[in-house]
């Protein structure tokens, strides 16, 4: 699949001795035009959905705690009714694998859907541009304001825009930190100027990143910093749905009066209005073919359909379709049948299996986690009771929201028992260390290392854990 660039080639000029030459072309500021239509509505739907989830989740309560909280200090991660510990890292691995497979699937089916509708860079750029339009006006007004000489109007509008941007960025950073520090406590600490140094750092760091990426860098992030733009072509093929201009219908381009028959004038349906370029957030000309800078937002489709409606031409000069469909004039049914090809079905099957496996694993996970560590500072010893004793340290991790009581017993050697240990009480989502003494009658086992098992049961007998360890018998 070839990629064509919309940029003009600059001829090489001879350089005089001692003359400084820049090897980098200055980037030209892009002023995206406002667009309305089906894809614009979908884009704003995902903006509202993602931001409602991001800003709203930290304020939800689950019982007596925050519903979603990643408490790094106590090494517990709360996700509604789930309490996860660092030992549950495998679930994060599974989630990352599922996310990667979903990205492969969506890209194979319809290109850069993630980039165009749900990527944080796209979402916040859309919000920042909306604020910019409300303060400075639409495309032509913003261009005139930037070209105008210094004035009080220009100063007020620029400062007002940046104050709104900074306010939104700081609130975004505050919300981000609220996923790791209880957000209500964080709010009180902010109001009383008692926030910790690390909390202040991350609020302003994340806020600065949002302000810089969405306010200034925008398309530069998508075009040069995001690696996805570079390797997306490996996931595309001739049957991937992409935003495509139909050159057979649109060429040759040319202006014409409304109501004129383009065939009589020897023209295609494209009137060369360049609106598709003006609405593009990355500033490309989709008529030059698929380019890696295209984020698949569909803005060019919306504006082109508007122009076609005004000229009473059929819609679809720019549309979501495949390269095979454009080349072979395939129908919608044929296009979708080729979209559901073996590659897509394999991705879908693997993704479903992974999701099902993760859900089953979460539903069957033990609500009690126990780590058993033999106390290496204390060797096996003969006690005053005539027994051989080993000492162990147990870490009980209660993954429920209720206080639990556990009992410990041992198996594996004749006469082995757990001594001087009553029931162990562990609070909700609490981690507790307990010293356990295990002994056997003297002479009941030969010298050496023997495998044993500790059995941990809840007081109601519902939870049973078996933890392996060793029992040392001295010579």
Protein backbone atom coordinates (compact mmCIF):
# COMPACT_ATOMS: atom_id res chain seq x y z
CA UNK A 1 0.00 0.00 0.00
CA UNK A 2 1.59 3.21 -1.15
CA UNK A 3 1.58 6.35 0.95
CA UNK A 4 1.53 9.70 -0.84
CA UNK A 5 2.44 13.00 0.70
CA UNK A 6 0.41 16.16 0.28
CA UNK A 7 3.42 18.41 0.75
CA UNK A 8 5.09 20.20 -2.16
CA UNK A 9 8.69 19.46 -3.04
CA UNK A 10 11.01 22.41 -2.47
CA UNK A 11 13.80 22.66 -5.06
CA UNK A 12 17.34 22.61 -3.70
CA UNK A 13 19.01 26.01 -3.93
CA UNK A 14 22.78 26.54 -4.10
CA UNK A 15 24.31 27.58 -0.79
CA UNK A 16 26.94 30.27 -0.49
CA UNK A 17 30.00 29.71 1.66
CA UNK A 18 29.33 30.45 5.32
CA UNK A 19 25.56 30.60 4.90
CA UNK A 20 23.52 28.83 7.60
CA UNK A 21 20.88 26.45 6.28
CA UNK A 22 18.09 24.94 8.37
CA UNK A 23 17.56 21.22 7.83
CA UNK A 24 14.03 21.37 9.26
CA UNK A 25 10.99 22.98 7.66
CA UNK A 26 9.02 25.26 9.94
CA UNK A 27 5.66 23.73 10.79
CA UNK A 28 2.66 25.65 9.56
CA UNK A 29 -0.14 26.18 12.07
CA UNK A 30 -3.31 24.31 11.22
CA UNK A 31 -6.69 25.98 11.69
CA UNK A 32 -9.32 23.21 11.47
CA UNK A 33 -12.69 24.40 10.26
CA UNK A 34 -15.89 23.58 12.18
CA UNK A 35 -17.74 20.62 10.68
CA UNK A 36 -21.13 19.05 11.33
CA UNK A 37 -22.37 15.64 10.35
CA UNK A 38 -22.64 11.98 11.32
CA UNK A 39 -18.97 11.44 12.15
CA UNK A 40 -18.73 14.74 14.03
CA UNK A 41 -21.64 13.62 16.21
CA UNK A 42 -19.98 10.26 16.84
CA UNK A 43 -16.75 12.02 17.71
CA UNK A 44 -18.45 14.24 20.27
CA UNK A 45 -20.35 11.27 21.67
CA UNK A 46 -17.05 9.57 22.47
CA UNK A 47 -15.60 12.81 23.83
CA UNK A 48 -18.48 13.08 26.29
CA UNK A 49 -18.45 9.38 27.13
CA UNK A 50 -14.72 9.16 27.82
CA UNK A 51 -14.64 12.34 29.87
CA UNK A 52 -17.71 11.37 31.85
CA UNK A 53 -15.95 8.14 32.78
CA UNK A 54 -12.58 9.79 33.48
CA UNK A 55 -13.84 12.71 35.56
CA UNK A 56 -16.73 10.84 37.19
CA UNK A 57 -15.24 7.52 38.32
CA UNK A 58 -13.09 8.90 41.18
CA UNK A 59 -16.17 10.47 42.79
CA UNK A 60 -18.19 7.24 42.87
CA UNK A 61 -18.34 5.42 46.20
CA UNK A 62 -18.48 1.69 46.82
CA UNK A 63 -19.47 1.00 50.39
CA UNK A 64 -17.31 3.21 52.56
CA UNK A 65 -14.53 3.79 50.03
CA UNK A 66 -13.80 5.17 46.58
CA UNK A 67 -15.11 2.81 43.89
CA UNK A 68 -11.95 2.92 41.74
CA UNK A 69 -8.73 3.54 43.65
CA UNK A 70 -5.17 2.38 42.99
CA UNK A 71 -3.68 2.73 46.46
CA UNK A 72 0.05 2.44 45.81
CA UNK A 73 0.97 3.17 49.43
CA UNK A 74 -0.86 0.15 50.82
CA UNK A 75 -0.40 -1.82 47.58
CA UNK A 76 -4.09 -2.46 47.04
CA UNK A 77 -6.14 -1.77 43.96
CA UNK A 78 -9.89 -1.33 44.34
CA UNK A 79 -12.14 -1.68 41.29
CA UNK A 80 -15.71 -1.62 42.52
CA UNK A 81 -16.14 -4.98 44.33
CA UNK A 82 -12.67 -6.27 43.39
CA UNK A 83 -9.69 -5.93 45.70
CA UNK A 84 -6.43 -6.72 43.90
CA UNK A 85 -2.90 -7.07 45.27
CA UNK A 86 0.48 -6.91 43.52
CA UNK A 87 0.30 -10.72 43.31
CA UNK A 88 -2.64 -10.22 40.91
CA UNK A 89 -0.36 -8.59 38.33
CA UNK A 90 -1.30 -11.39 35.92
CA UNK A 91 -4.71 -9.75 35.47
CA UNK A 92 -3.09 -6.51 34.34
CA UNK A 93 -1.03 -8.54 31.86
CA UNK A 94 -4.21 -10.14 30.55
CA UNK A 95 -5.88 -6.74 30.23
CA UNK A 96 -2.94 -5.36 28.25
CA UNK A 97 -2.97 -8.38 25.91
CA UNK A 98 -6.73 -7.94 25.38
CA UNK A 99 -6.23 -4.22 24.64
CA UNK A 100 -3.52 -5.02 22.08
CA UNK A 101 -5.69 -7.64 20.37
CA UNK A 102 -8.64 -5.24 20.31
CA UNK A 103 -6.42 -2.60 18.68
CA UNK A 104 -5.29 -5.13 16.05
CA UNK A 105 -8.91 -6.14 15.40
CA UNK A 106 -10.29 -2.61 15.07
CA UNK A 107 -7.38 -1.55 12.87
CA UNK A 108 -7.77 -4.57 10.57
CA UNK A 109 -11.50 -3.87 10.22
CA UNK A 110 -11.71 -0.08 10.00
CA UNK A 111 -8.31 1.56 10.37
CA UNK A 112 -7.51 4.10 13.07
CA UNK A 113 -10.82 4.09 14.92
CA UNK A 114 -9.03 4.46 18.26
CA UNK A 115 -7.08 7.48 17.02
CA UNK A 116 -10.09 9.23 15.51
CA UNK A 117 -12.56 8.82 18.35
CA UNK A 118 -11.19 7.67 21.71
CA UNK A 119 -7.46 8.44 21.92
CA UNK A 120 -6.81 10.97 24.75
CA UNK A 121 -4.79 13.12 22.35
CA UNK A 122 -7.74 13.35 19.95
CA UNK A 123 -10.29 13.84 22.73
CA UNK A 124 -8.45 16.65 24.50
CA UNK A 125 -7.46 18.33 21.24
CA UNK A 126 -11.15 18.37 20.31
CA UNK A 127 -12.07 19.93 23.68
CA UNK A 128 -9.29 22.53 23.46
CA UNK A 129 -10.25 23.44 19.89
CA UNK A 130 -13.89 23.83 20.99
CA UNK A 131 -12.77 26.29 23.68
CA UNK A 132 -10.61 28.07 21.10
CA UNK A 133 -13.55 28.43 18.70
CA UNK A 134 -15.82 29.75 21.43
CA UNK A 135 -13.29 32.41 22.46
CA UNK A 136 -11.64 33.39 19.16
CA UNK A 137 -14.23 32.37 16.56
CA UNK A 138 -14.16 29.97 13.65
CA UNK A 139 -11.28 29.30 11.27
CA UNK A 140 -11.22 32.60 9.39
CA UNK A 141 -11.64 34.64 12.59
CA UNK A 142 -8.75 32.82 14.27
CA UNK A 143 -6.53 33.34 11.26
CA UNK A 144 -7.33 37.06 11.17
CA UNK A 145 -6.70 37.36 14.91
CA UNK A 146 -3.29 35.69 14.66
CA UNK A 147 -2.29 37.91 11.71
CA UNK A 148 -3.54 41.11 13.35
CA UNK A 149 -1.26 43.56 15.11
CA UNK A 150 -1.17 43.67 18.88
CA UNK A 151 -4.38 45.06 20.40
CA UNK A 152 -6.33 44.86 23.63
CA UNK A 153 -8.90 42.59 21.96
CA UNK A 154 -6.19 40.18 20.89
CA UNK A 155 -4.57 40.22 24.33
CA UNK A 156 -7.86 39.59 26.14
CA UNK A 157 -8.95 36.76 23.84
CA UNK A 158 -5.57 35.02 23.93
CA UNK A 159 -5.25 35.27 27.71
CA UNK A 160 -8.86 34.20 28.26
CA UNK A 161 -8.34 31.15 26.06
CA UNK A 162 -5.16 30.14 27.86
CA UNK A 163 -6.73 30.65 31.30
CA UNK A 164 -9.51 28.23 30.32
CA UNK A 165 -6.98 25.78 28.91
CA UNK A 166 -4.85 25.92 32.05
CA UNK A 167 -7.87 25.51 34.31
CA UNK A 168 -9.03 22.43 32.41
CA UNK A 169 -5.49 21.01 32.40
CA UNK A 170 -5.05 21.43 36.16
CA UNK A 171 -8.44 19.83 36.78
CA UNK A 172 -7.40 16.95 34.52
CA UNK A 173 -4.16 16.49 36.48
CA UNK A 174 -6.09 16.66 39.77
CA UNK A 175 -8.50 13.97 38.56
CA UNK A 176 -5.64 11.76 37.40
CA UNK A 177 -3.98 11.91 40.84
CA UNK A 178 -7.43 11.23 42.36
CA UNK A 179 -7.20 7.68 41.04
CA UNK A 180 -4.17 7.07 43.29
CA UNK A 181 -5.05 9.23 46.31
CA UNK A 182 -8.65 9.32 47.58
CA UNK A 183 -10.00 12.27 45.65
CA UNK A 184 -12.06 13.72 48.50
CA UNK A 185 -9.01 13.72 50.78
CA UNK A 186 -6.99 15.19 47.93
CA UNK A 187 -9.57 17.96 47.50
CA UNK A 188 -9.45 18.85 51.19
CA UNK A 189 -5.65 18.83 51.13
CA UNK A 190 -5.73 21.12 48.09
CA UNK A 191 -8.12 23.57 49.76
CA UNK A 192 -6.04 23.64 52.95
CA UNK A 193 -2.74 23.80 51.00
CA UNK A 194 -1.55 20.56 52.60
CA UNK A 195 -1.00 18.44 49.49
CA UNK A 196 2.08 16.25 49.49
CA UNK A 197 5.03 17.09 47.29
CA UNK A 198 4.52 14.08 45.02
CA UNK A 199 0.82 14.85 44.63
CA UNK A 200 1.63 18.45 43.67
CA UNK A 201 4.26 17.24 41.21
CA UNK A 202 1.93 14.80 39.41
CA UNK A 203 -1.02 17.20 39.31
CA UNK A 204 1.08 19.84 37.58
CA UNK A 205 3.07 17.37 35.47
CA UNK A 206 -0.05 15.74 34.04
CA UNK A 207 -1.71 19.15 33.71
CA UNK A 208 1.32 20.52 31.86
CA UNK A 209 1.34 17.50 29.52
CA UNK A 210 -2.36 18.01 28.75
CA UNK A 211 -1.87 21.74 28.18
CA UNK A 212 1.11 21.25 25.89
CA UNK A 213 -0.17 18.28 23.88
CA UNK A 214 -3.76 19.43 23.35
CA UNK A 215 -3.11 23.17 23.20
CA UNK A 216 0.06 23.43 21.12
CA UNK A 217 1.36 20.15 19.74
CA UNK A 218 -1.91 18.56 18.65
CA UNK A 219 -1.30 17.01 15.22
CA UNK A 220 2.46 16.91 15.87
CA UNK A 221 1.86 14.20 18.50
CA UNK A 222 -0.18 12.11 16.06
CA UNK A 223 2.20 12.59 13.16
CA UNK A 224 5.63 12.37 14.77
CA UNK A 225 5.46 11.20 18.39
CA UNK A 226 2.87 8.42 18.28
CA UNK A 227 4.42 5.12 17.10
CA UNK A 228 1.04 3.82 15.97
CA UNK A 229 1.15 6.09 12.93
CA UNK A 230 4.31 4.28 11.80
CA UNK A 231 3.31 0.66 12.17
CA UNK A 232 -0.38 0.92 11.27
CA UNK A 233 0.36 -0.06 7.67
CA UNK A 234 1.43 -3.50 8.91
CA UNK A 235 -2.16 -4.07 10.09
CA UNK A 236 -3.86 -2.63 6.99
CA UNK A 237 -4.59 -4.55 3.81
CA UNK A 238 -6.66 -4.01 0.67
CA UNK A 239 -9.89 -4.96 2.50
CA UNK A 240 -9.50 -2.63 5.50
CA UNK A 241 -12.17 0.05 5.74
CA UNK A 242 -10.42 3.40 5.47
CA UNK A 243 -11.37 6.96 4.60
CA UNK A 244 -10.98 7.02 0.84
CA UNK A 245 -11.47 9.55 -1.95
CA UNK A 246 -12.94 8.08 -5.15
CA UNK A 247 -10.70 9.46 -7.93
CA UNK A 248 -12.66 7.72 -10.68
CA UNK A 249 -15.70 9.73 -9.73
CA UNK A 250 -14.04 12.94 -8.56
CA UNK A 251 -11.40 13.57 -11.24
CA UNK A 252 -10.74 15.81 -12.99
CA UNK A 253 -11.43 18.44 -10.35
CA UNK A 254 -12.70 21.89 -11.10
CA UNK A 255 -15.04 24.68 -10.06
CA UNK A 256 -18.43 24.98 -11.74
CA UNK A 257 -21.66 26.94 -11.15
CA UNK A 258 -24.37 25.28 -9.09
CA UNK A 259 -26.67 23.18 -11.24
CA UNK A 260 -24.09 22.69 -14.00
CA UNK A 261 -23.66 19.21 -15.43
CA UNK A 262 -20.05 18.19 -14.73
CA UNK A 263 -20.03 15.65 -17.57
CA UNK A 264 -20.74 18.37 -20.11
CA UNK A 265 -17.75 20.35 -18.82
CA UNK A 266 -15.58 17.25 -18.70
CA UNK A 267 -15.22 17.42 -14.94
CA UNK A 268 -15.62 15.00 -12.08
CA UNK A 269 -17.76 15.55 -9.01
CA UNK A 270 -14.96 17.20 -6.99
CA UNK A 271 -15.34 20.99 -7.16
CA UNK A 272 -11.87 21.53 -5.66
CA UNK A 273 -13.29 23.58 -2.77
CA UNK A 274 -10.49 22.28 -0.45
CA UNK A 275 -12.95 22.07 2.47
CA UNK A 276 -11.76 18.51 3.10
CA UNK A 277 -8.30 19.97 3.76
CA UNK A 278 -9.62 22.82 5.89
CA UNK A 279 -11.49 20.53 8.31
CA UNK A 280 -8.66 17.99 8.64
CA UNK A 281 -7.06 18.18 12.12
CA UNK A 282 -3.71 17.07 10.68
CA UNK A 283 -3.92 19.29 7.56
CA UNK A 284 -3.63 16.58 4.90
CA UNK A 285 -5.39 16.36 1.53
CA UNK A 286 -7.22 13.02 1.51
CA UNK A 287 -7.56 13.31 -2.28
CA UNK A 288 -3.87 12.41 -2.55
CA UNK A 289 -4.57 8.93 -1.20
CA UNK A 290 -4.10 7.23 2.15
CA UNK A 291 -1.43 8.91 4.28
CA UNK A 292 -0.02 7.91 7.64
CA UNK A 293 -1.06 11.30 9.08
CA UNK A 294 -4.76 10.47 8.64
CA UNK A 295 -6.28 9.67 12.05
CA UNK A 296 -9.58 8.41 10.63
CA UNK A 297 -11.81 11.04 12.26
CA UNK A 298 -14.20 11.29 9.28
CA UNK A 299 -14.35 15.11 9.24
CA UNK A 300 -13.59 15.19 5.51
CA UNK A 301 -16.50 12.81 4.86
CA UNK A 302 -18.95 15.07 6.70
CA UNK A 303 -17.90 18.25 4.91
CA UNK A 304 -17.73 16.60 1.48
CA UNK A 305 -21.23 15.15 1.91
CA UNK A 306 -22.44 18.66 2.77
CA UNK A 307 -20.97 20.00 -0.48
CA UNK A 308 -22.47 17.12 -2.49
CA UNK A 309 -25.90 17.85 -0.97
CA UNK A 310 -25.67 21.52 -1.98
CA UNK A 311 -24.78 20.55 -5.55
CA UNK A 312 -27.44 17.79 -5.67
CA UNK A 313 -24.73 15.18 -6.31
CA UNK A 314 -24.83 11.75 -4.65
CA UNK A 315 -22.93 11.46 -1.38
CA UNK A 316 -19.85 9.29 -1.00
CA UNK A 317 -17.16 11.06 -2.97
CA UNK A 318 -15.14 10.62 0.23
CA UNK A 319 -16.31 7.68 2.33
CA UNK A 320 -15.38 4.73 4.49
CA UNK A 321 -14.62 1.91 2.09
CA UNK A 322 -11.81 -0.43 1.08
CA UNK A 323 -9.23 -0.07 -1.63
CA UNK A 324 -10.53 -3.24 -3.31
CA UNK A 325 -14.08 -1.82 -3.35
CA UNK A 326 -12.89 1.41 -4.98
CA UNK A 327 -10.83 -0.45 -7.53
CA UNK A 328 -13.48 -3.07 -8.41
CA UNK A 329 -16.62 -0.94 -7.83
CA UNK A 330 -17.86 -3.43 -5.24
CA UNK A 331 -21.27 -3.14 -3.61
CA UNK A 332 -21.75 -2.55 0.12
CA UNK A 333 -22.60 -6.22 0.64
CA UNK A 334 -19.50 -7.40 -1.19
CA UNK A 335 -17.35 -4.93 0.75
CA UNK A 336 -18.57 -6.15 4.14
CA UNK A 337 -18.17 -9.80 3.15
CA UNK A 338 -14.53 -9.13 2.34
CA UNK A 339 -14.11 -7.16 5.56
CA UNK A 340 -15.12 -10.25 7.55
CA UNK A 341 -12.11 -12.17 6.26
CA UNK A 342 -10.16 -14.97 8.04
CA UNK A 343 -7.69 -12.54 9.61
CA UNK A 344 -10.50 -10.60 11.29
CA UNK A 345 -12.28 -13.77 12.40
CA UNK A 346 -9.08 -15.11 13.98
CA UNK A 347 -8.52 -11.84 15.87
CA UNK A 348 -12.15 -11.92 17.03
CA UNK A 349 -11.93 -15.54 18.19
CA UNK A 350 -8.71 -15.00 20.13
CA UNK A 351 -10.09 -11.81 21.69
CA UNK A 352 -13.28 -13.56 22.84
CA UNK A 353 -11.31 -16.46 24.32
CA UNK A 354 -9.01 -14.05 26.18
CA UNK A 355 -11.94 -12.04 27.57
CA UNK A 356 -13.77 -15.18 28.63
CA UNK A 357 -10.64 -16.60 30.26
CA UNK A 358 -10.03 -13.38 32.18
CA UNK A 359 -13.62 -13.23 33.43
CA UNK A 360 -13.57 -16.88 34.52
CA UNK A 361 -10.23 -16.41 36.27
CA UNK A 362 -11.55 -13.36 38.14
CA UNK A 363 -14.69 -15.19 39.20
CA UNK A 364 -12.73 -18.19 40.50
CA UNK A 365 -9.91 -16.29 42.21
CA UNK A 366 -9.36 -16.93 45.91
CA UNK A 367 -10.45 -14.18 48.25
CA UNK A 368 -7.56 -15.12 50.55
CA UNK A 369 -3.92 -14.87 49.56
CA UNK A 370 -1.20 -16.28 51.79
CA UNK A 371 2.56 -16.00 51.52
CA UNK A 372 4.59 -18.40 53.65
CA UNK A 373 8.23 -17.58 54.38
CA UNK A 374 10.37 -19.81 56.57
CA UNK A 375 12.17 -17.72 59.18
CA UNK A 376 15.79 -18.08 58.08
CA UNK A 377 17.07 -16.22 61.13
CA UNK A 378 15.87 -19.06 63.34
CA UNK A 379 17.11 -22.59 62.60
CA UNK A 380 15.24 -25.70 63.66
CA UNK A 381 15.57 -26.27 67.38
CA UNK A 382 14.66 -28.80 70.04
CA UNK A 383 12.14 -27.29 72.46
CA UNK A 384 11.69 -27.87 76.18
CA UNK A 385 8.69 -30.01 75.26
CA UNK A 386 10.87 -32.55 73.47
CA UNK A 387 9.76 -31.51 70.00
CA UNK A 388 11.55 -30.16 66.94
CA UNK A 389 10.34 -26.69 66.04
CA UNK A 390 10.48 -24.60 62.86
CA UNK A 391 9.31 -20.97 62.68
CA UNK A 392 7.46 -19.44 59.71
CA UNK A 393 6.14 -16.01 58.85
CA UNK A 394 2.70 -15.86 57.22
CA UNK A 395 1.29 -12.91 55.32
CA UNK A 396 -2.51 -13.05 55.19
CA UNK A 397 -4.16 -10.87 52.51
CA UNK A 398 -7.91 -10.59 52.79
CA UNK A 399 -9.33 -9.73 49.35
CA UNK A 400 -12.87 -9.24 50.64
CA UNK A 401 -14.64 -6.24 52.13
CA UNK A 402 -15.45 -8.08 55.40
CA UNK A 403 -13.42 -9.12 58.43
CA UNK A 404 -12.34 -12.76 58.14
CA UNK A 405 -11.09 -15.28 60.72
CA UNK A 406 -8.67 -17.99 59.59
CA UNK A 407 -7.28 -21.19 61.12
CA UNK A 408 -3.92 -22.74 60.24
CA UNK A 409 -2.99 -26.43 60.32
CA UNK A 410 -0.16 -28.48 58.79
CA UNK A 411 0.19 -31.75 56.84
CA UNK A 412 3.06 -33.83 55.49
CA UNK A 413 4.88 -35.22 58.55
CA UNK A 414 3.75 -37.58 61.25
CA UNK A 415 2.58 -35.68 64.32
CA UNK A 416 3.15 -32.21 62.84
CA UNK A 417 1.08 -29.48 64.44
CA UNK A 418 0.82 -25.71 64.62
CA UNK A 419 1.50 -24.59 68.17
CA UNK A 420 0.53 -21.49 70.13
CA UNK A 421 -1.65 -20.01 67.40
CA UNK A 422 -5.28 -19.11 67.91
CA UNK A 423 -7.61 -17.95 65.16
CA UNK A 424 -6.15 -15.17 62.99
CA UNK A 425 -8.41 -12.18 62.43
CA UNK A 426 -7.79 -10.10 59.28
CA UNK A 427 -9.76 -6.93 58.60
CA UNK A 428 -11.43 -5.92 55.31
CA UNK A 429 -8.86 -5.65 52.49
CA UNK A 430 -6.14 -5.90 55.13
CA UNK A 431 -2.70 -7.49 54.98
CA UNK A 432 -1.34 -8.96 58.22
CA UNK A 433 1.90 -10.73 59.16
CA UNK A 434 1.74 -13.59 61.70
CA UNK A 435 4.50 -15.77 63.21
CA UNK A 436 3.65 -19.48 63.11
CA UNK A 437 5.44 -22.19 65.14
CA UNK A 438 5.23 -25.74 63.76
CA UNK A 439 6.73 -28.78 65.54
CA UNK A 440 6.95 -32.54 65.35
CA UNK A 441 7.79 -35.13 68.03
CA UNK A 442 11.54 -35.68 68.37
CA UNK A 443 12.70 -38.68 66.31
CA UNK A 444 9.50 -38.92 64.27
CA UNK A 445 11.31 -37.92 61.04
CA UNK A 446 14.87 -38.46 59.76
CA UNK A 447 17.29 -35.54 59.53
CA UNK A 448 17.04 -33.34 56.45
CA UNK A 449 14.51 -31.21 54.62
CA UNK A 450 10.93 -32.45 54.35
CA UNK A 451 8.10 -31.06 52.23
CA UNK A 452 5.00 -30.02 54.14
CA UNK A 453 1.75 -28.19 53.47
CA UNK A 454 -0.05 -25.59 55.51
CA UNK A 455 -3.83 -25.59 55.32
CA UNK A 456 -5.56 -22.23 55.86
CA UNK A 457 -9.32 -22.29 56.38
CA UNK A 458 -11.81 -19.58 57.21
CA UNK A 459 -13.82 -19.95 60.40
CA UNK A 460 -16.93 -20.83 58.39
CA UNK A 461 -14.98 -23.41 56.34
CA UNK A 462 -15.60 -21.68 53.00
CA UNK A 463 -12.02 -20.81 52.08
CA UNK A 464 -9.22 -23.35 51.90
CA UNK A 465 -5.70 -22.53 50.81
CA UNK A 466 -2.80 -24.96 50.59
CA UNK A 467 0.67 -23.45 50.84
CA UNK A 468 3.82 -25.50 50.36
CA UNK A 469 6.91 -25.13 52.51
CA UNK A 470 9.70 -27.25 54.04
CA UNK A 471 10.39 -28.52 57.55
CA UNK A 472 14.04 -28.91 58.60
CA UNK A 473 15.08 -31.66 60.99
CA UNK A 474 18.61 -31.15 62.43
CA UNK A 475 21.19 -33.93 62.53
